[in-house]
Amino acid sequence: MARMKLKTLKEMNDNDLQDKLLEFKVDLSKLRSEGEKGTLKKQTSSIRWVRRDIARILTILNERKLKK
């Protein structure tokens, strides 16, 4: 999965961000389960990037809540 830029995330509306957040959480759970099974070969760093993308989305959503 491609990494998301902060600029593109900020341009999305809340519903799109929620959908993207769900998608990233599913990907993270898949990567973690593959890591537990030992089938995660060269993608070990992708867990870190997915976690960071999730954090970016949550930060944007929380900033928007505080502005309202």
PDB file of N, CA and C in Angstrom:
ATOM      1  N   MET A   1       0.840  -1.180   0.000  1.00  0.00           N
ATOM      2  CA  MET A   1       0.000   0.000   0.000  1.00  0.00           C
ATOM      3  C   MET A   1       0.884   1.242   0.000  1.00  0.00           C
ATOM      4  N   ALA A   2       0.490   2.215  -0.756  1.00  0.00           N
ATOM      5  CA  ALA A   2       1.255   3.452  -0.856  1.00  0.00           C
ATOM      6  C   ALA A   2       1.040   4.322   0.374  1.00  0.00           C
ATOM      7  N   ARG A   3       2.074   5.038   0.736  1.00  0.00           N
ATOM      8  CA  ARG A   3       1.979   5.932   1.885  1.00  0.00           C
ATOM      9  C   ARG A   3       1.160   7.154   1.511  1.00  0.00           C
ATOM     10  N   MET A   4       0.461   7.683   2.484  1.00  0.00           N
ATOM     11  CA  MET A   4      -0.386   8.848   2.263  1.00  0.00           C
ATOM     12  C   MET A   4       0.376  10.102   2.658  1.00  0.00           C
ATOM     13  N   LYS A   5       0.291  11.110   1.819  1.00  0.00           N
ATOM     14  CA  LYS A   5       0.902  12.395   2.132  1.00  0.00           C
ATOM     15  C   LYS A   5      -0.044  13.185   3.026  1.00  0.00           C
ATOM     16  N   LEU A   6       0.531  14.010   3.864  1.00  0.00           N
ATOM     17  CA  LEU A   6      -0.260  14.808   4.790  1.00  0.00           C
ATOM     18  C   LEU A   6      -1.183  15.763   4.038  1.00  0.00           C
ATOM     19  N   LYS A   7      -0.697  16.302   2.945  1.00  0.00           N
ATOM     20  CA  LYS A   7      -1.499  17.247   2.164  1.00  0.00           C
ATOM     21  C   LYS A   7      -2.758  16.576   1.617  1.00  0.00           C
ATOM     22  N   THR A   8      -2.630  15.367   1.106  1.00  0.00           N
ATOM     23  CA  THR A   8      -3.806  14.675   0.562  1.00  0.00           C
ATOM     24  C   THR A   8      -4.756  14.270   1.670  1.00  0.00           C
ATOM     25  N   LEU A   9      -4.217  13.931   2.833  1.00  0.00           N
ATOM     26  CA  LEU A   9      -5.093  13.581   3.952  1.00  0.00           C
ATOM     27  C   LEU A   9      -5.890  14.780   4.429  1.00  0.00           C
ATOM     28  N   LYS A  10      -5.264  15.949   4.467  1.00  0.00           N
ATOM     29  CA  LYS A  10      -5.965  17.145   4.922  1.00  0.00           C
ATOM     30  C   LYS A  10      -7.033  17.597   3.942  1.00  0.00           C
ATOM     31  N   GLU A  11      -6.880  17.230   2.673  1.00  0.00           N
ATOM     32  CA  GLU A  11      -7.869  17.606   1.672  1.00  0.00           C
ATOM     33  C   GLU A  11      -9.115  16.725   1.730  1.00  0.00           C
ATOM     34  N   MET A  12      -9.018  15.573   2.364  1.00  0.00           N
ATOM     35  CA  MET A  12     -10.160  14.655   2.454  1.00  0.00           C
ATOM     36  C   MET A  12     -11.163  15.142   3.495  1.00  0.00           C
ATOM     37  N   ASN A  13     -12.429  14.761   3.291  1.00  0.00           N
ATOM     38  CA  ASN A  13     -13.432  15.096   4.306  1.00  0.00           C
ATOM     39  C   ASN A  13     -13.431  14.015   5.386  1.00  0.00           C
ATOM     40  N   ASP A  14     -14.213  14.225   6.423  1.00  0.00           N
ATOM     41  CA  ASP A  14     -14.192  13.332   7.577  1.00  0.00           C
ATOM     42  C   ASP A  14     -14.624  11.904   7.228  1.00  0.00           C
ATOM     43  N   ASN A  15     -15.606  11.765   6.369  1.00  0.00           N
ATOM     44  CA  ASN A  15     -16.076  10.434   5.998  1.00  0.00           C
ATOM     45  C   ASN A  15     -15.003   9.654   5.248  1.00  0.00           C
ATOM     46  N   ASP A  16     -14.308  10.337   4.332  1.00  0.00           N
ATOM     47  CA  ASP A  16     -13.229   9.675   3.600  1.00  0.00           C
ATOM     48  C   ASP A  16     -12.094   9.285   4.542  1.00  0.00           C
ATOM     49  N   LEU A  17     -11.807  10.142   5.506  1.00  0.00           N
ATOM     50  CA  LEU A  17     -10.756   9.826   6.473  1.00  0.00           C
ATOM     51  C   LEU A  17     -11.136   8.626   7.332  1.00  0.00           C
ATOM     52  N   GLN A  18     -12.395   8.546   7.715  1.00  0.00           N
ATOM     53  CA  GLN A  18     -12.849   7.392   8.495  1.00  0.00           C
ATOM     54  C   GLN A  18     -12.712   6.099   7.686  1.00  0.00           C
ATOM     55  N   ASP A  19     -13.058   6.169   6.397  1.00  0.00           N
ATOM     56  CA  ASP A  19     -12.920   4.999   5.532  1.00  0.00           C
ATOM     57  C   ASP A  19     -11.457   4.594   5.386  1.00  0.00           C
ATOM     58  N   LYS A  20     -10.603   5.584   5.199  1.00  0.00           N
ATOM     59  CA  LYS A  20      -9.177   5.326   5.052  1.00  0.00           C
ATOM     60  C   LYS A  20      -8.593   4.754   6.339  1.00  0.00           C
ATOM     61  N   LEU A  21      -9.075   5.260   7.478  1.00  0.00           N
ATOM     62  CA  LEU A  21      -8.619   4.771   8.777  1.00  0.00           C
ATOM     63  C   LEU A  21      -8.977   3.293   8.939  1.00  0.00           C
ATOM     64  N   LEU A  22     -10.188   2.943   8.582  1.00  0.00           N
ATOM     65  CA  LEU A  22     -10.617   1.555   8.656  1.00  0.00           C
ATOM     66  C   LEU A  22      -9.760   0.672   7.745  1.00  0.00           C
ATOM     67  N   GLU A  23      -9.479   1.162   6.555  1.00  0.00           N
ATOM     68  CA  GLU A  23      -8.661   0.422   5.607  1.00  0.00           C
ATOM     69  C   GLU A  23      -7.251   0.184   6.157  1.00  0.00           C
ATOM     70  N   PHE A  24      -6.668   1.220   6.752  1.00  0.00           N
ATOM     71  CA  PHE A  24      -5.330   1.083   7.321  1.00  0.00           C
ATOM     72  C   PHE A  24      -5.322   0.128   8.507  1.00  0.00           C
ATOM     73  N   LYS A  25      -6.369   0.158   9.326  1.00  0.00           N
ATOM     74  CA  LYS A  25      -6.426  -0.743  10.476  1.00  0.00           C
ATOM     75  C   LYS A  25      -6.533  -2.195  10.029  1.00  0.00           C
ATOM     76  N   VAL A  26      -7.273  -2.442   8.958  1.00  0.00           N
ATOM     77  CA  VAL A  26      -7.365  -3.799   8.416  1.00  0.00           C
ATOM     78  C   VAL A  26      -6.007  -4.241   7.889  1.00  0.00           C
ATOM     79  N   ASP A  27      -5.329  -3.347   7.170  1.00  0.00           N
ATOM     80  CA  ASP A  27      -4.001  -3.675   6.656  1.00  0.00           C
ATOM     81  C   ASP A  27      -3.019  -3.953   7.786  1.00  0.00           C
ATOM     82  N   LEU A  28      -3.094  -3.170   8.840  1.00  0.00           N
ATOM     83  CA  LEU A  28      -2.203  -3.357   9.973  1.00  0.00           C
ATOM     84  C   LEU A  28      -2.446  -4.707  10.641  1.00  0.00           C
ATOM     85  N   SER A  29      -3.699  -5.077  10.784  1.00  0.00           N
ATOM     86  CA  SER A  29      -3.980  -6.373  11.409  1.00  0.00           C
ATOM     87  C   SER A  29      -3.481  -7.521  10.532  1.00  0.00           C
ATOM     88  N   LYS A  30      -3.598  -7.378   9.203  1.00  0.00           N
ATOM     89  CA  LYS A  30      -3.081  -8.403   8.297  1.00  0.00           C
ATOM     90  C   LYS A  30      -1.566  -8.510   8.410  1.00  0.00           C
ATOM     91  N   LEU A  31      -0.900  -7.354   8.435  1.00  0.00           N
ATOM     92  CA  LEU A  31       0.557  -7.361   8.542  1.00  0.00           C
ATOM     93  C   LEU A  31       1.017  -7.959   9.865  1.00  0.00           C
ATOM     94  N   ARG A  32       0.311  -7.637  10.936  1.00  0.00           N
ATOM     95  CA  ARG A  32       0.685  -8.184  12.243  1.00  0.00           C
ATOM     96  C   ARG A  32       0.477  -9.695  12.299  1.00  0.00           C
ATOM     97  N   SER A  33      -0.610 -10.169  11.699  1.00  0.00           N
ATOM     98  CA  SER A  33      -0.850 -11.617  11.707  1.00  0.00           C
ATOM     99  C   SER A  33       0.191 -12.343  10.854  1.00  0.00           C
ATOM    100  N   GLU A  34       0.587 -11.743   9.730  1.00  0.00           N
ATOM    101  CA  GLU A  34       1.645 -12.336   8.920  1.00  0.00           C
ATOM    102  C   GLU A  34       2.966 -12.348   9.681  1.00  0.00           C
ATOM    103  N   GLY A  35       3.206 -11.303  10.459  1.00  0.00           N
ATOM    104  CA  GLY A  35       4.419 -11.258  11.260  1.00  0.00           C
ATOM    105  C   GLY A  35       4.433 -12.328  12.330  1.00  0.00           C
ATOM    106  N   GLU A  36       3.284 -12.600  12.915  1.00  0.00           N
ATOM    107  CA  GLU A  36       3.184 -13.646  13.921  1.00  0.00           C
ATOM    108  C   GLU A  36       3.406 -15.032  13.315  1.00  0.00           C
ATOM    109  N   LYS A  37       2.901 -15.216  12.097  1.00  0.00           N
ATOM    110  CA  LYS A  37       3.057 -16.509  11.437  1.00  0.00           C
ATOM    111  C   LYS A  37       4.466 -16.701  10.896  1.00  0.00           C
ATOM    112  N   GLY A  38       5.170 -15.595  10.690  1.00  0.00           N
ATOM    113  CA  GLY A  38       6.517 -15.675  10.138  1.00  0.00           C
ATOM    114  C   GLY A  38       6.545 -15.587   8.631  1.00  0.00           C
ATOM    115  N   THR A  39       5.442 -15.204   8.012  1.00  0.00           N
ATOM    116  CA  THR A  39       5.398 -15.106   6.552  1.00  0.00           C
ATOM    117  C   THR A  39       5.668 -13.693   6.061  1.00  0.00           C
ATOM    118  N   LEU A  40       5.911 -12.772   6.970  1.00  0.00           N
ATOM    119  CA  LEU A  40       6.190 -11.387   6.594  1.00  0.00           C
ATOM    120  C   LEU A  40       7.676 -11.290   6.295  1.00  0.00           C
ATOM    121  N   LYS A  41       8.026 -11.193   5.031  1.00  0.00           N
ATOM    122  CA  LYS A  41       9.437 -11.246   4.653  1.00  0.00           C
ATOM    123  C   LYS A  41      10.061  -9.858   4.599  1.00  0.00           C
ATOM    124  N   LYS A  42       9.892  -9.179   3.488  1.00  0.00           N
ATOM    125  CA  LYS A  42      10.557  -7.900   3.283  1.00  0.00           C
ATOM    126  C   LYS A  42       9.684  -6.716   3.669  1.00  0.00           C
ATOM    127  N   GLN A  43       8.501  -6.972   4.196  1.00  0.00           N
ATOM    128  CA  GLN A  43       7.557  -5.901   4.500  1.00  0.00           C
ATOM    129  C   GLN A  43       7.558  -5.512   5.961  1.00  0.00           C
ATOM    130  N   THR A  44       8.591  -5.835   6.693  1.00  0.00           N
ATOM    131  CA  THR A  44       8.581  -5.565   8.125  1.00  0.00           C
ATOM    132  C   THR A  44       8.503  -4.075   8.421  1.00  0.00           C
ATOM    133  N   SER A  45       9.078  -3.257   7.564  1.00  0.00           N
ATOM    134  CA  SER A  45       9.024  -1.815   7.804  1.00  0.00           C
ATOM    135  C   SER A  45       7.664  -1.229   7.467  1.00  0.00           C
ATOM    136  N   SER A  46       6.857  -1.955   6.711  1.00  0.00           N
ATOM    137  CA  SER A  46       5.545  -1.420   6.336  1.00  0.00           C
ATOM    138  C   SER A  46       4.618  -1.317   7.542  1.00  0.00           C
ATOM    139  N   ILE A  47       4.852  -2.121   8.578  1.00  0.00           N
ATOM    140  CA  ILE A  47       4.047  -2.012   9.799  1.00  0.00           C
ATOM    141  C   ILE A  47       4.227  -0.625  10.407  1.00  0.00           C
ATOM    142  N   ARG A  48       5.467  -0.165  10.450  1.00  0.00           N
ATOM    143  CA  ARG A  48       5.760   1.156  11.006  1.00  0.00           C
ATOM    144  C   ARG A  48       5.051   2.251  10.233  1.00  0.00           C
ATOM    145  N   TRP A  49       5.072   2.169   8.890  1.00  0.00           N
ATOM    146  CA  TRP A  49       4.475   3.228   8.072  1.00  0.00           C
ATOM    147  C   TRP A  49       2.962   3.220   8.170  1.00  0.00           C
ATOM    148  N   VAL A  50       2.362   2.060   8.270  1.00  0.00           N
ATOM    149  CA  VAL A  50       0.907   1.990   8.412  1.00  0.00           C
ATOM    150  C   VAL A  50       0.495   2.582   9.761  1.00  0.00           C
ATOM    151  N   ARG A  51       1.257   2.267  10.806  1.00  0.00           N
ATOM    152  CA  ARG A  51       0.963   2.839  12.122  1.00  0.00           C
ATOM    153  C   ARG A  51       1.069   4.362  12.099  1.00  0.00           C
ATOM    154  N   ARG A  52       2.043   4.874  11.399  1.00  0.00           N
ATOM    155  CA  ARG A  52       2.210   6.324  11.322  1.00  0.00           C
ATOM    156  C   ARG A  52       1.098   6.980  10.516  1.00  0.00           C
ATOM    157  N   ASP A  53       0.665   6.308   9.451  1.00  0.00           N
ATOM    158  CA  ASP A  53      -0.456   6.844   8.673  1.00  0.00           C
ATOM    159  C   ASP A  53      -1.736   6.863   9.499  1.00  0.00           C
ATOM    160  N   ILE A  54      -1.941   5.830  10.319  1.00  0.00           N
ATOM    161  CA  ILE A  54      -3.103   5.802  11.214  1.00  0.00           C
ATOM    162  C   ILE A  54      -3.027   6.968  12.189  1.00  0.00           C
ATOM    163  N   ALA A  55      -1.846   7.207  12.722  1.00  0.00           N
ATOM    164  CA  ALA A  55      -1.669   8.313  13.663  1.00  0.00           C
ATOM    165  C   ALA A  55      -1.922   9.658  12.993  1.00  0.00           C
ATOM    166  N   ARG A  56      -1.486   9.814  11.743  1.00  0.00           N
ATOM    167  CA  ARG A  56      -1.738  11.061  11.009  1.00  0.00           C
ATOM    168  C   ARG A  56      -3.233  11.303  10.847  1.00  0.00           C
ATOM    169  N   ILE A  57      -3.956  10.261  10.473  1.00  0.00           N
ATOM    170  CA  ILE A  57      -5.401  10.403  10.263  1.00  0.00           C
ATOM    171  C   ILE A  57      -6.090  10.753  11.572  1.00  0.00           C
ATOM    172  N   LEU A  58      -5.723  10.064  12.650  1.00  0.00           N
ATOM    173  CA  LEU A  58      -6.342  10.352  13.943  1.00  0.00           C
ATOM    174  C   LEU A  58      -6.034  11.771  14.406  1.00  0.00           C
ATOM    175  N   THR A  59      -4.837  12.243  14.138  1.00  0.00           N
ATOM    176  CA  THR A  59      -4.472  13.612  14.507  1.00  0.00           C
ATOM    177  C   THR A  59      -5.305  14.623  13.748  1.00  0.00           C
ATOM    178  N   ILE A  60      -5.474  14.408  12.460  1.00  0.00           N
ATOM    179  CA  ILE A  60      -6.274  15.328  11.648  1.00  0.00           C
ATOM    180  C   ILE A  60      -7.720  15.343  12.134  1.00  0.00           C
ATOM    181  N   LEU A  61      -8.274  14.160  12.411  1.00  0.00           N
ATOM    182  CA  LEU A  61      -9.657  14.094  12.888  1.00  0.00           C
ATOM    183  C   LEU A  61      -9.816  14.790  14.238  1.00  0.00           C
ATOM    184  N   ASN A  62      -8.858  14.611  15.132  1.00  0.00           N
ATOM    185  CA  ASN A  62      -8.938  15.268  16.435  1.00  0.00           C
ATOM    186  C   ASN A  62      -8.779  16.786  16.324  1.00  0.00           C
ATOM    187  N   GLU A  63      -7.924  17.245  15.425  1.00  0.00           N
ATOM    188  CA  GLU A  63      -7.775  18.690  15.208  1.00  0.00           C
ATOM    189  C   GLU A  63      -9.072  19.293  14.702  1.00  0.00           C
ATOM    190  N   ARG A  64      -9.749  18.568  13.816  1.00  0.00           N
ATOM    191  CA  ARG A  64     -11.000  19.069  13.280  1.00  0.00           C
ATOM    192  C   ARG A  64     -12.088  19.104  14.344  1.00  0.00           C
ATOM    193  N   LYS A  65     -12.096  18.142  15.240  1.00  0.00           N
ATOM    194  CA  LYS A  65     -13.078  18.146  16.326  1.00  0.00           C
ATOM    195  C   LYS A  65     -12.873  19.340  17.250  1.00  0.00           C
ATOM    196  N   LEU A  66     -11.613  19.664  17.514  1.00  0.00           N
ATOM    197  CA  LEU A  66     -11.319  20.777  18.404  1.00  0.00           C
ATOM    198  C   LEU A  66     -11.686  22.126  17.787  1.00  0.00           C
ATOM    199  N   LYS A  67     -11.630  22.232  16.469  1.00  0.00           N
ATOM    200  CA  LYS A  67     -11.989  23.489  15.797  1.00  0.00           C
ATOM    201  C   LYS A  67     -13.481  23.737  15.798  1.00  0.00           C
ATOM    202  N   LYS A  68     -14.269  22.677  15.902  1.00  0.00           N
ATOM    203  CA  LYS A  68     -15.730  22.835  15.846  1.00  0.00           C
ATOM    204  C   LYS A  68     -16.288  23.381  17.098  1.00  0.00           C
TER     205      LYS A  68
END
